[in-house]
Each structure stands twice: as structure tokens, then as C-alpha cells.
Amino acid sequence: RELARGTSTQVIALYTGLFLELALNPFMGFDIENNAYTCVGP
């Protein structure tokens, strides 16, 4: 953003949350195959 200051370039950060295709796995607490879930917090 400092480099782009005063230029015609807009610098954009896009935040998307979790990648849907990659998030539903046991490491994230979604063990779909065994129908078991583990969350942190509520």
C-alpha cells in the first residue's frame, strides 16, 4: 500500500473465511466419514 500510494494502482485484500473444499476435514474438527465433530468453544 505504501508503494501504491500516489499511483493509479489499487491494492485489494480479499478475505474469504475457510476454503469450503478444504475445511471439512478432521483437522478442523469435521470428521464427516465417522460422523463425529470437535469444536473449540460453543
PDB file of all heavy atoms in Angstrom:
ATOM      1  N   ARG A   1       0.838  -1.207   0.000  1.00  0.00           N
ATOM      2  CA  ARG A   1       0.000   0.000   0.000  1.00  0.00           C
ATOM      3  C   ARG A   1       0.873   1.258   0.000  1.00  0.00           C
ATOM      4  O   ARG A   1       0.513   2.263  -0.616  1.00  0.00           O
ATOM      5  CB  ARG A   1      -0.930  -0.019   1.210  1.00  0.00           C
ATOM      6  CG  ARG A   1      -1.926  -1.172   1.179  1.00  0.00           C
ATOM      7  CD  ARG A   1      -3.028  -1.012   2.211  1.00  0.00           C
ATOM      8  NE  ARG A   1      -3.776  -2.246   2.382  1.00  0.00           N
ATOM      9  CZ  ARG A   1      -4.648  -2.735   1.526  1.00  0.00           C
ATOM     10  NH1 ARG A   1      -4.887  -2.079   0.404  1.00  0.00           N
ATOM     11  NH2 ARG A   1      -5.282  -3.872   1.761  1.00  0.00           N
ATOM     12  N   GLU A   2       1.999   1.201   0.670  1.00  0.00           N
ATOM     13  CA  GLU A   2       2.913   2.345   0.667  1.00  0.00           C
ATOM     14  C   GLU A   2       3.498   2.551  -0.732  1.00  0.00           C
ATOM     15  O   GLU A   2       3.617   3.696  -1.205  1.00  0.00           O
ATOM     16  CB  GLU A   2       4.026   2.122   1.686  1.00  0.00           C
ATOM     17  CG  GLU A   2       4.960   3.312   1.851  1.00  0.00           C
ATOM     18  CD  GLU A   2       4.244   4.576   2.303  1.00  0.00           C
ATOM     19  OE1 GLU A   2       3.258   4.467   3.078  1.00  0.00           O
ATOM     20  OE2 GLU A   2       4.671   5.685   1.887  1.00  0.00           O
ATOM     21  N   LEU A   3       3.855   1.468  -1.408  1.00  0.00           N
ATOM     22  CA  LEU A   3       4.367   1.569  -2.775  1.00  0.00           C
ATOM     23  C   LEU A   3       3.326   2.165  -3.720  1.00  0.00           C
ATOM     24  O   LEU A   3       3.657   2.924  -4.634  1.00  0.00           O
ATOM     25  CB  LEU A   3       4.771   0.177  -3.291  1.00  0.00           C
ATOM     26  CG  LEU A   3       6.069  -0.419  -2.760  1.00  0.00           C
ATOM     27  CD1 LEU A   3       6.194  -1.871  -3.216  1.00  0.00           C
ATOM     28  CD2 LEU A   3       7.273   0.379  -3.243  1.00  0.00           C
ATOM     29  N   ALA A   4       2.061   1.802  -3.499  1.00  0.00           N
ATOM     30  CA  ALA A   4       0.988   2.234  -4.391  1.00  0.00           C
ATOM     31  C   ALA A   4       0.471   3.635  -4.073  1.00  0.00           C
ATOM     32  O   ALA A   4      -0.308   4.199  -4.855  1.00  0.00           O
ATOM     33  CB  ALA A   4      -0.166   1.236  -4.337  1.00  0.00           C
ATOM     34  N   ARG A   5       0.886   4.178  -2.947  1.00  0.00           N
ATOM     35  CA  ARG A   5       0.412   5.498  -2.551  1.00  0.00           C
ATOM     36  C   ARG A   5       0.778   6.535  -3.626  1.00  0.00           C
ATOM     37  O   ARG A   5       1.922   6.633  -4.062  1.00  0.00           O
ATOM     38  CB  ARG A   5       1.026   5.913  -1.216  1.00  0.00           C
ATOM     39  CG  ARG A   5       0.423   7.193  -0.621  1.00  0.00           C
ATOM     40  CD  ARG A   5       1.186   7.610   0.620  1.00  0.00           C
ATOM     41  NE  ARG A   5       1.221   6.564   1.622  1.00  0.00           N
ATOM     42  CZ  ARG A   5       0.244   6.357   2.503  1.00  0.00           C
ATOM     43  NH1 ARG A   5      -0.827   7.128   2.492  1.00  0.00           N
ATOM     44  NH2 ARG A   5       0.351   5.381   3.393  1.00  0.00           N
ATOM     45  N   GLY A   6      -0.220   7.284  -4.066  1.00  0.00           N
ATOM     46  CA  GLY A   6       0.013   8.316  -5.072  1.00  0.00           C
ATOM     47  C   GLY A   6       0.074   7.798  -6.493  1.00  0.00           C
ATOM     48  O   GLY A   6       0.320   8.571  -7.429  1.00  0.00           O
ATOM     49  N   THR A   7      -0.159   6.479  -6.686  1.00  0.00           N
ATOM     50  CA  THR A   7      -0.180   5.906  -8.033  1.00  0.00           C
ATOM     51  C   THR A   7      -1.625   5.566  -8.405  1.00  0.00           C
ATOM     52  O   THR A   7      -2.554   5.774  -7.630  1.00  0.00           O
ATOM     53  CB  THR A   7       0.681   4.636  -8.113  1.00  0.00           C
ATOM     54  OG1 THR A   7       0.008   3.548  -7.441  1.00  0.00           O
ATOM     55  CG2 THR A   7       2.043   4.859  -7.472  1.00  0.00           C
ATOM     56  N   SER A   8      -1.793   4.992  -9.575  1.00  0.00           N
ATOM     57  CA  SER A   8      -3.131   4.602 -10.030  1.00  0.00           C
ATOM     58  C   SER A   8      -3.474   3.174  -9.652  1.00  0.00           C
ATOM     59  O   SER A   8      -4.520   2.652 -10.050  1.00  0.00           O
ATOM     60  CB  SER A   8      -3.224   4.753 -11.554  1.00  0.00           C
ATOM     61  OG  SER A   8      -2.243   3.944 -12.193  1.00  0.00           O
ATOM     62  N   THR A   9      -2.620   2.511  -8.879  1.00  0.00           N
ATOM     63  CA  THR A   9      -2.845   1.112  -8.501  1.00  0.00           C
ATOM     64  C   THR A   9      -3.644   1.010  -7.208  1.00  0.00           C
ATOM     65  O   THR A   9      -3.262   1.598  -6.199  1.00  0.00           O
ATOM     66  CB  THR A   9      -1.505   0.370  -8.314  1.00  0.00           C
ATOM     67  OG1 THR A   9      -0.752   0.422  -9.529  1.00  0.00           O
ATOM     68  CG2 THR A   9      -1.742  -1.086  -7.938  1.00  0.00           C
ATOM     69  N   GLN A  10      -4.741   0.269  -7.258  1.00  0.00           N
ATOM     70  CA  GLN A  10      -5.482  -0.035  -6.039  1.00  0.00           C
ATOM     71  C   GLN A  10      -5.050  -1.402  -5.530  1.00  0.00           C
ATOM     72  O   GLN A  10      -5.046  -2.389  -6.276  1.00  0.00           O
ATOM     73  CB  GLN A  10      -7.000  -0.045  -6.258  1.00  0.00           C
ATOM     74  CG  GLN A  10      -7.760  -0.357  -4.960  1.00  0.00           C
ATOM     75  CD  GLN A  10      -9.272  -0.328  -5.096  1.00  0.00           C
ATOM     76  OE1 GLN A  10      -9.805  -0.250  -6.209  1.00  0.00           O
ATOM     77  NE2 GLN A  10      -9.967  -0.397  -3.977  1.00  0.00           N
ATOM     78  N   VAL A  11      -4.698  -1.471  -4.266  1.00  0.00           N
ATOM     79  CA  VAL A  11      -4.271  -2.719  -3.633  1.00  0.00           C
ATOM     80  C   VAL A  11      -5.443  -3.274  -2.831  1.00  0.00           C
ATOM     81  O   VAL A  11      -5.970  -2.598  -1.943  1.00  0.00           O
ATOM     82  CB  VAL A  11      -3.056  -2.496  -2.717  1.00  0.00           C
ATOM     83  CG1 VAL A  11      -2.654  -3.796  -2.020  1.00  0.00           C
ATOM     84  CG2 VAL A  11      -1.879  -1.933  -3.517  1.00  0.00           C
ATOM     85  N   ILE A  12      -5.844  -4.491  -3.150  1.00  0.00           N
ATOM     86  CA  ILE A  12      -7.030  -5.081  -2.530  1.00  0.00           C
ATOM     87  C   ILE A  12      -6.655  -6.356  -1.778  1.00  0.00           C
ATOM     88  O   ILE A  12      -5.927  -7.209  -2.291  1.00  0.00           O
ATOM     89  CB  ILE A  12      -8.106  -5.422  -3.587  1.00  0.00           C
ATOM     90  CG1 ILE A  12      -8.573  -4.146  -4.292  1.00  0.00           C
ATOM     91  CG2 ILE A  12      -9.296  -6.132  -2.943  1.00  0.00           C
ATOM     92  CD1 ILE A  12      -9.572  -4.395  -5.411  1.00  0.00           C
ATOM     93  N   ALA A  13      -7.165  -6.477  -0.560  1.00  0.00           N
ATOM     94  CA  ALA A  13      -7.069  -7.715   0.223  1.00  0.00           C
ATOM     95  C   ALA A  13      -8.463  -8.320   0.281  1.00  0.00           C
ATOM     96  O   ALA A  13      -9.411  -7.656   0.710  1.00  0.00           O
ATOM     97  CB  ALA A  13      -6.550  -7.431   1.621  1.00  0.00           C
ATOM     98  N   LEU A  14      -8.589  -9.556  -0.174  1.00  0.00           N
ATOM     99  CA  LEU A  14      -9.881 -10.244  -0.161  1.00  0.00           C
ATOM    100  C   LEU A  14      -9.843 -11.345   0.889  1.00  0.00           C
ATOM    101  O   LEU A  14      -9.031 -12.274   0.807  1.00  0.00           O
ATOM    102  CB  LEU A  14     -10.181 -10.837  -1.539  1.00  0.00           C
ATOM    103  CG  LEU A  14     -11.466 -11.667  -1.649  1.00  0.00           C
ATOM    104  CD1 LEU A  14     -12.696 -10.820  -1.303  1.00  0.00           C
ATOM    105  CD2 LEU A  14     -11.599 -12.276  -3.039  1.00  0.00           C
ATOM    106  N   TYR A  15     -10.729 -11.244   1.879  1.00  0.00           N
ATOM    107  CA  TYR A  15     -10.818 -12.234   2.953  1.00  0.00           C
ATOM    108  C   TYR A  15     -12.057 -13.089   2.727  1.00  0.00           C
ATOM    109  O   TYR A  15     -13.167 -12.562   2.543  1.00  0.00           O
ATOM    110  CB  TYR A  15     -10.887 -11.542   4.308  1.00  0.00           C
ATOM    111  CG  TYR A  15      -9.726 -10.599   4.560  1.00  0.00           C
ATOM    112  CD1 TYR A  15      -9.924  -9.220   4.663  1.00  0.00           C
ATOM    113  CD2 TYR A  15      -8.433 -11.085   4.678  1.00  0.00           C
ATOM    114  CE1 TYR A  15      -8.867  -8.359   4.886  1.00  0.00           C
ATOM    115  CE2 TYR A  15      -7.357 -10.233   4.902  1.00  0.00           C
ATOM    116  CZ  TYR A  15      -7.579  -8.866   5.004  1.00  0.00           C
ATOM    117  OH  TYR A  15      -6.524  -8.017   5.220  1.00  0.00           O
ATOM    118  N   THR A  16     -11.874 -14.403   2.764  1.00  0.00           N
ATOM    119  CA  THR A  16     -12.936 -15.317   2.328  1.00  0.00           C
ATOM    120  C   THR A  16     -13.367 -16.316   3.390  1.00  0.00           C
ATOM    121  O   THR A  16     -14.222 -17.157   3.121  1.00  0.00           O
ATOM    122  CB  THR A  16     -12.442 -16.107   1.109  1.00  0.00           C
ATOM    123  OG1 THR A  16     -11.308 -16.911   1.500  1.00  0.00           O
ATOM    124  CG2 THR A  16     -12.017 -15.170  -0.015  1.00  0.00           C
ATOM    125  N   GLY A  17     -12.769 -16.249   4.578  1.00  0.00           N
ATOM    126  CA  GLY A  17     -13.037 -17.288   5.561  1.00  0.00           C
ATOM    127  C   GLY A  17     -12.323 -18.568   5.167  1.00  0.00           C
ATOM    128  O   GLY A  17     -11.282 -18.553   4.505  1.00  0.00           O
ATOM    129  N   LEU A  18     -12.886 -19.710   5.552  1.00  0.00           N
ATOM    130  CA  LEU A  18     -12.281 -21.003   5.239  1.00  0.00           C
ATOM    131  C   LEU A  18     -12.619 -21.435   3.820  1.00  0.00           C
ATOM    132  O   LEU A  18     -13.721 -21.175   3.331  1.00  0.00           O
ATOM    133  CB  LEU A  18     -12.779 -22.060   6.227  1.00  0.00           C
ATOM    134  CG  LEU A  18     -12.548 -21.774   7.715  1.00  0.00           C
ATOM    135  CD1 LEU A  18     -13.062 -22.942   8.552  1.00  0.00           C
ATOM    136  CD2 LEU A  18     -11.076 -21.525   8.008  1.00  0.00           C
ATOM    137  N   PHE A  19     -11.679 -22.111   3.159  1.00  0.00           N
ATOM    138  CA  PHE A  19     -11.960 -22.683   1.839  1.00  0.00           C
ATOM    139  C   PHE A  19     -12.919 -23.856   2.034  1.00  0.00           C
ATOM    140  O   PHE A  19     -12.591 -24.829   2.718  1.00  0.00           O
ATOM    141  CB  PHE A  19     -10.684 -23.188   1.176  1.00  0.00           C
ATOM    142  CG  PHE A  19      -9.704 -22.111   0.775  1.00  0.00           C
ATOM    143  CD1 PHE A  19      -8.510 -22.445   0.170  1.00  0.00           C
ATOM    144  CD2 PHE A  19      -9.976 -20.768   0.995  1.00  0.00           C
ATOM    145  CE1 PHE A  19      -7.590 -21.466  -0.205  1.00  0.00           C
ATOM    146  CE2 PHE A  19      -9.075 -19.779   0.628  1.00  0.00           C
ATOM    147  CZ  PHE A  19      -7.876 -20.133   0.026  1.00  0.00           C
ATOM    148  N   LEU A  20     -14.075 -23.776   1.403  1.00  0.00           N
ATOM    149  CA  LEU A  20     -15.118 -24.783   1.607  1.00  0.00           C
ATOM    150  C   LEU A  20     -14.606 -26.191   1.308  1.00  0.00           C
ATOM    151  O   LEU A  20     -14.845 -27.131   2.076  1.00  0.00           O
ATOM    152  CB  LEU A  20     -16.318 -24.459   0.715  1.00  0.00           C
ATOM    153  CG  LEU A  20     -17.486 -25.446   0.729  1.00  0.00           C
ATOM    154  CD1 LEU A  20     -18.061 -25.575   2.131  1.00  0.00           C
ATOM    155  CD2 LEU A  20     -18.574 -24.993  -0.252  1.00  0.00           C
ATOM    156  N   GLU A  21     -13.886 -26.348   0.198  1.00  0.00           N
ATOM    157  CA  GLU A  21     -13.457 -27.674  -0.233  1.00  0.00           C
ATOM    158  C   GLU A  21     -12.385 -28.279   0.670  1.00  0.00           C
ATOM    159  O   GLU A  21     -12.183 -29.497   0.664  1.00  0.00           O
ATOM    160  CB  GLU A  21     -12.922 -27.628  -1.667  1.00  0.00           C
ATOM    161  CG  GLU A  21     -13.951 -27.247  -2.714  1.00  0.00           C
ATOM    162  CD  GLU A  21     -14.083 -25.736  -2.884  1.00  0.00           C
ATOM    163  OE1 GLU A  21     -13.506 -24.977  -2.070  1.00  0.00           O
ATOM    164  OE2 GLU A  21     -14.763 -25.323  -3.836  1.00  0.00           O
ATOM    165  N   LEU A  22     -11.692 -27.439   1.431  1.00  0.00           N
ATOM    166  CA  LEU A  22     -10.576 -27.921   2.248  1.00  0.00           C
ATOM    167  C   LEU A  22     -10.878 -27.956   3.736  1.00  0.00           C
ATOM    168  O   LEU A  22     -10.167 -28.613   4.498  1.00  0.00           O
ATOM    169  CB  LEU A  22      -9.350 -27.028   2.008  1.00  0.00           C
ATOM    170  CG  LEU A  22      -8.879 -26.884   0.555  1.00  0.00           C
ATOM    171  CD1 LEU A  22      -7.681 -25.943   0.488  1.00  0.00           C
ATOM    172  CD2 LEU A  22      -8.535 -28.234  -0.053  1.00  0.00           C
ATOM    173  N   ALA A  23     -11.914 -27.251   4.172  1.00  0.00           N
ATOM    174  CA  ALA A  23     -12.144 -27.059   5.606  1.00  0.00           C
ATOM    175  C   ALA A  23     -12.831 -28.233   6.288  1.00  0.00           C
ATOM    176  O   ALA A  23     -12.616 -28.472   7.482  1.00  0.00           O
ATOM    177  CB  ALA A  23     -12.968 -25.793   5.839  1.00  0.00           C
ATOM    178  N   LEU A  24     -13.664 -28.948   5.555  1.00  0.00           N
ATOM    179  CA  LEU A  24     -14.447 -30.010   6.191  1.00  0.00           C
ATOM    180  C   LEU A  24     -13.612 -31.274   6.312  1.00  0.00           C
ATOM    181  O   LEU A  24     -13.811 -32.267   5.608  1.00  0.00           O
ATOM    182  CB  LEU A  24     -15.733 -30.269   5.404  1.00  0.00           C
ATOM    183  CG  LEU A  24     -16.683 -29.070   5.282  1.00  0.00           C
ATOM    184  CD1 LEU A  24     -17.965 -29.475   4.582  1.00  0.00           C
ATOM    185  CD2 LEU A  24     -16.994 -28.483   6.666  1.00  0.00           C
ATOM    186  N   ASN A  25     -12.660 -31.237   7.238  1.00  0.00           N
ATOM    187  CA  ASN A  25     -11.780 -32.375   7.455  1.00  0.00           C
ATOM    188  C   ASN A  25     -11.547 -32.555   8.951  1.00  0.00           C
ATOM    189  O   ASN A  25     -11.830 -31.656   9.748  1.00  0.00           O
ATOM    190  CB  ASN A  25     -10.461 -32.172   6.708  1.00  0.00           C
ATOM    191  CG  ASN A  25      -9.681 -30.988   7.233  1.00  0.00           C
ATOM    192  OD1 ASN A  25      -9.198 -31.002   8.373  1.00  0.00           O
ATOM    193  ND2 ASN A  25      -9.540 -29.939   6.435  1.00  0.00           N
ATOM    194  N   PRO A  26     -11.052 -33.725   9.363  1.00  0.00           N
ATOM    195  CA  PRO A  26     -10.877 -33.986  10.806  1.00  0.00           C
ATOM    196  C   PRO A  26      -9.955 -32.996  11.504  1.00  0.00           C
ATOM    197  O   PRO A  26     -10.133 -32.730  12.699  1.00  0.00           O
ATOM    198  CB  PRO A  26     -10.273 -35.400  10.820  1.00  0.00           C
ATOM    199  CG  PRO A  26     -10.788 -36.035   9.563  1.00  0.00           C
ATOM    200  CD  PRO A  26     -10.803 -34.928   8.539  1.00  0.00           C
ATOM    201  N   PHE A  27      -8.959 -32.447  10.785  1.00  0.00           N
ATOM    202  CA  PHE A  27      -8.050 -31.492  11.422  1.00  0.00           C
ATOM    203  C   PHE A  27      -8.788 -30.250  11.916  1.00  0.00           C
ATOM    204  O   PHE A  27      -8.388 -29.626  12.889  1.00  0.00           O
ATOM    205  CB  PHE A  27      -6.942 -31.084  10.455  1.00  0.00           C
ATOM    206  CG  PHE A  27      -6.014 -32.202  10.090  1.00  0.00           C
ATOM    207  CD1 PHE A  27      -6.078 -32.798   8.849  1.00  0.00           C
ATOM    208  CD2 PHE A  27      -5.089 -32.670  11.009  1.00  0.00           C
ATOM    209  CE1 PHE A  27      -5.235 -33.837   8.519  1.00  0.00           C
ATOM    210  CE2 PHE A  27      -4.232 -33.710  10.688  1.00  0.00           C
ATOM    211  CZ  PHE A  27      -4.305 -34.308   9.444  1.00  0.00           C
ATOM    212  N   MET A  28      -9.870 -29.896  11.210  1.00  0.00           N
ATOM    213  CA  MET A  28     -10.664 -28.737  11.601  1.00  0.00           C
ATOM    214  C   MET A  28     -11.845 -29.127  12.484  1.00  0.00           C
ATOM    215  O   MET A  28     -12.683 -28.294  12.811  1.00  0.00           O
ATOM    216  CB  MET A  28     -11.165 -28.004  10.355  1.00  0.00           C
ATOM    217  CG  MET A  28     -10.058 -27.516   9.430  1.00  0.00           C
ATOM    218  SD  MET A  28      -8.935 -26.357  10.214  1.00  0.00           S
ATOM    219  CE  MET A  28     -10.029 -24.972  10.458  1.00  0.00           C
ATOM    220  N   GLY A  29     -11.920 -30.405  12.842  1.00  0.00           N
ATOM    221  CA  GLY A  29     -12.996 -30.870  13.723  1.00  0.00           C
ATOM    222  C   GLY A  29     -14.216 -31.370  12.991  1.00  0.00           C
ATOM    223  O   GLY A  29     -15.251 -31.616  13.624  1.00  0.00           O
ATOM    224  N   PHE A  30     -14.115 -31.583  11.694  1.00  0.00           N
ATOM    225  CA  PHE A  30     -15.240 -32.099  10.909  1.00  0.00           C
ATOM    226  C   PHE A  30     -14.871 -33.477  10.361  1.00  0.00           C
ATOM    227  O   PHE A  30     -14.339 -33.609   9.258  1.00  0.00           O
ATOM    228  CB  PHE A  30     -15.571 -31.159   9.745  1.00  0.00           C
ATOM    229  CG  PHE A  30     -15.948 -29.765  10.146  1.00  0.00           C
ATOM    230  CD1 PHE A  30     -15.025 -28.723  10.051  1.00  0.00           C
ATOM    231  CD2 PHE A  30     -17.222 -29.477  10.609  1.00  0.00           C
ATOM    232  CE1 PHE A  30     -15.368 -27.431  10.402  1.00  0.00           C
ATOM    233  CE2 PHE A  30     -17.574 -28.183  10.973  1.00  0.00           C
ATOM    234  CZ  PHE A  30     -16.643 -27.153  10.877  1.00  0.00           C
ATOM    235  N   ASP A  31     -15.136 -34.524  11.136  1.00  0.00           N
ATOM    236  CA  ASP A  31     -14.860 -35.888  10.686  1.00  0.00           C
ATOM    237  C   ASP A  31     -16.130 -36.430  10.037  1.00  0.00           C
ATOM    238  O   ASP A  31     -16.906 -37.159  10.671  1.00  0.00           O
ATOM    239  CB  ASP A  31     -14.421 -36.751  11.867  1.00  0.00           C
ATOM    240  CG  ASP A  31     -13.909 -38.113  11.434  1.00  0.00           C
ATOM    241  OD1 ASP A  31     -14.059 -38.450  10.248  1.00  0.00           O
ATOM    242  OD2 ASP A  31     -13.362 -38.835  12.283  1.00  0.00           O
ATOM    243  N   ILE A  32     -16.339 -36.044   8.788  1.00  0.00           N
ATOM    244  CA  ILE A  32     -17.578 -36.378   8.086  1.00  0.00           C
ATOM    245  C   ILE A  32     -17.732 -37.892   7.946  1.00  0.00           C
ATOM    246  O   ILE A  32     -18.815 -38.442   8.139  1.00  0.00           O
ATOM    247  CB  ILE A  32     -17.598 -35.712   6.695  1.00  0.00           C
ATOM    248  CG1 ILE A  32     -17.371 -34.193   6.809  1.00  0.00           C
ATOM    249  CG2 ILE A  32     -18.922 -36.012   5.991  1.00  0.00           C
ATOM    250  CD1 ILE A  32     -18.403 -33.458   7.591  1.00  0.00           C
ATOM    251  N   GLU A  33     -16.632 -38.565   7.619  1.00  0.00           N
ATOM    252  CA  GLU A  33     -16.700 -40.009   7.377  1.00  0.00           C
ATOM    253  C   GLU A  33     -17.198 -40.759   8.600  1.00  0.00           C
ATOM    254  O   GLU A  33     -17.989 -41.706   8.488  1.00  0.00           O
ATOM    255  CB  GLU A  33     -15.324 -40.523   6.967  1.00  0.00           C
ATOM    256  CG  GLU A  33     -15.305 -42.002   6.608  1.00  0.00           C
ATOM    257  CD  GLU A  33     -13.956 -42.479   6.122  1.00  0.00           C
ATOM    258  OE1 GLU A  33     -13.088 -41.616   5.859  1.00  0.00           O
ATOM    259  OE2 GLU A  33     -13.769 -43.707   6.001  1.00  0.00           O
ATOM    260  N   ASN A  34     -16.762 -40.340   9.775  1.00  0.00           N
ATOM    261  CA  ASN A  34     -17.172 -41.021  11.004  1.00  0.00           C
ATOM    262  C   ASN A  34     -18.303 -40.304  11.731  1.00  0.00           C
ATOM    263  O   ASN A  34     -18.656 -40.692  12.862  1.00  0.00           O
ATOM    264  CB  ASN A  34     -15.962 -41.162  11.933  1.00  0.00           C
ATOM    265  CG  ASN A  34     -14.906 -42.091  11.360  1.00  0.00           C
ATOM    266  OD1 ASN A  34     -15.199 -43.226  11.007  1.00  0.00           O
ATOM    267  ND2 ASN A  34     -13.676 -41.604  11.240  1.00  0.00           N
ATOM    268  N   ASN A  35     -18.832 -39.241  11.117  1.00  0.00           N
ATOM    269  CA  ASN A  35     -19.975 -38.517  11.679  1.00  0.00           C
ATOM    270  C   ASN A  35     -19.684 -38.049  13.099  1.00  0.00           C
ATOM    271  O   ASN A  35     -20.499 -38.176  14.008  1.00  0.00           O
ATOM    272  CB  ASN A  35     -21.234 -39.409  11.654  1.00  0.00           C
ATOM    273  CG  ASN A  35     -22.515 -38.613  11.879  1.00  0.00           C
ATOM    274  OD1 ASN A  35     -22.564 -37.408  11.616  1.00  0.00           O
ATOM    275  ND2 ASN A  35     -23.554 -39.290  12.346  1.00  0.00           N
ATOM    276  N   ALA A  36     -18.473 -37.493  13.272  1.00  0.00           N
ATOM    277  CA  ALA A  36     -18.056 -37.013  14.589  1.00  0.00           C
ATOM    278  C   ALA A  36     -17.450 -35.621  14.436  1.00  0.00           C
ATOM    279  O   ALA A  36     -16.753 -35.336  13.460  1.00  0.00           O
ATOM    280  CB  ALA A  36     -17.044 -37.968  15.203  1.00  0.00           C
ATOM    281  N   TYR A  37     -17.686 -34.761  15.436  1.00  0.00           N
ATOM    282  CA  TYR A  37     -17.302 -33.357  15.306  1.00  0.00           C
ATOM    283  C   TYR A  37     -16.678 -32.877  16.610  1.00  0.00           C
ATOM    284  O   TYR A  37     -17.108 -33.257  17.700  1.00  0.00           O
ATOM    285  CB  TYR A  37     -18.527 -32.509  14.958  1.00  0.00           C
ATOM    286  CG  TYR A  37     -19.271 -33.067  13.769  1.00  0.00           C
ATOM    287  CD1 TYR A  37     -20.260 -34.046  13.947  1.00  0.00           C
ATOM    288  CD2 TYR A  37     -18.945 -32.676  12.481  1.00  0.00           C
ATOM    289  CE1 TYR A  37     -20.912 -34.602  12.857  1.00  0.00           C
ATOM    290  CE2 TYR A  37     -19.592 -33.233  11.385  1.00  0.00           C
ATOM    291  CZ  TYR A  37     -20.566 -34.194  11.582  1.00  0.00           C
ATOM    292  OH  TYR A  37     -21.189 -34.754  10.493  1.00  0.00           O
ATOM    293  N   THR A  38     -15.661 -32.036  16.467  1.00  0.00           N
ATOM    294  CA  THR A  38     -14.993 -31.466  17.636  1.00  0.00           C
ATOM    295  C   THR A  38     -14.776 -29.985  17.392  1.00  0.00           C
ATOM    296  O   THR A  38     -14.031 -29.596  16.480  1.00  0.00           O
ATOM    297  CB  THR A  38     -13.638 -32.147  17.894  1.00  0.00           C
ATOM    298  OG1 THR A  38     -13.819 -33.559  17.982  1.00  0.00           O
ATOM    299  CG2 THR A  38     -13.020 -31.625  19.181  1.00  0.00           C
ATOM    300  N   CYS A  39     -15.415 -29.157  18.182  1.00  0.00           N
ATOM    301  CA  CYS A  39     -15.269 -27.716  18.035  1.00  0.00           C
ATOM    302  C   CYS A  39     -14.471 -27.156  19.206  1.00  0.00           C
ATOM    303  O   CYS A  39     -14.267 -27.822  20.221  1.00  0.00           O
ATOM    304  CB  CYS A  39     -16.631 -27.029  17.953  1.00  0.00           C
ATOM    305  SG  CYS A  39     -17.652 -27.217  19.431  1.00  0.00           S
ATOM    306  N   VAL A  40     -14.015 -25.940  19.039  1.00  0.00           N
ATOM    307  CA  VAL A  40     -13.379 -25.201  20.126  1.00  0.00           C
ATOM    308  C   VAL A  40     -14.334 -24.073  20.489  1.00  0.00           C
ATOM    309  O   VAL A  40     -14.642 -23.224  19.655  1.00  0.00           O
ATOM    310  CB  VAL A  40     -12.011 -24.635  19.694  1.00  0.00           C
ATOM    311  CG1 VAL A  40     -11.440 -23.744  20.789  1.00  0.00           C
ATOM    312  CG2 VAL A  40     -11.047 -25.769  19.369  1.00  0.00           C
ATOM    313  N   GLY A  41     -14.835 -24.096  21.722  1.00  0.00           N
ATOM    314  CA  GLY A  41     -15.868 -23.138  22.085  1.00  0.00           C
ATOM    315  C   GLY A  41     -17.242 -23.693  21.764  1.00  0.00           C
ATOM    316  O   GLY A  41     -17.413 -24.896  21.555  1.00  0.00           O
ATOM    317  N   PRO A  42     -18.239 -22.842  21.679  1.00  0.00           N
ATOM    318  CA  PRO A  42     -19.620 -23.310  21.504  1.00  0.00           C
ATOM    319  C   PRO A  42     -19.878 -23.878  20.108  1.00  0.00           C
ATOM    320  O   PRO A  42     -19.405 -23.328  19.108  1.00  0.00           O
ATOM    321  CB  PRO A  42     -20.453 -22.040  21.732  1.00  0.00           C
ATOM    322  CG  PRO A  42     -19.529 -20.912  21.402  1.00  0.00           C
ATOM    323  CD  PRO A  42     -18.164 -21.372  21.818  1.00  0.00           C
TER     324      PRO A  42
END
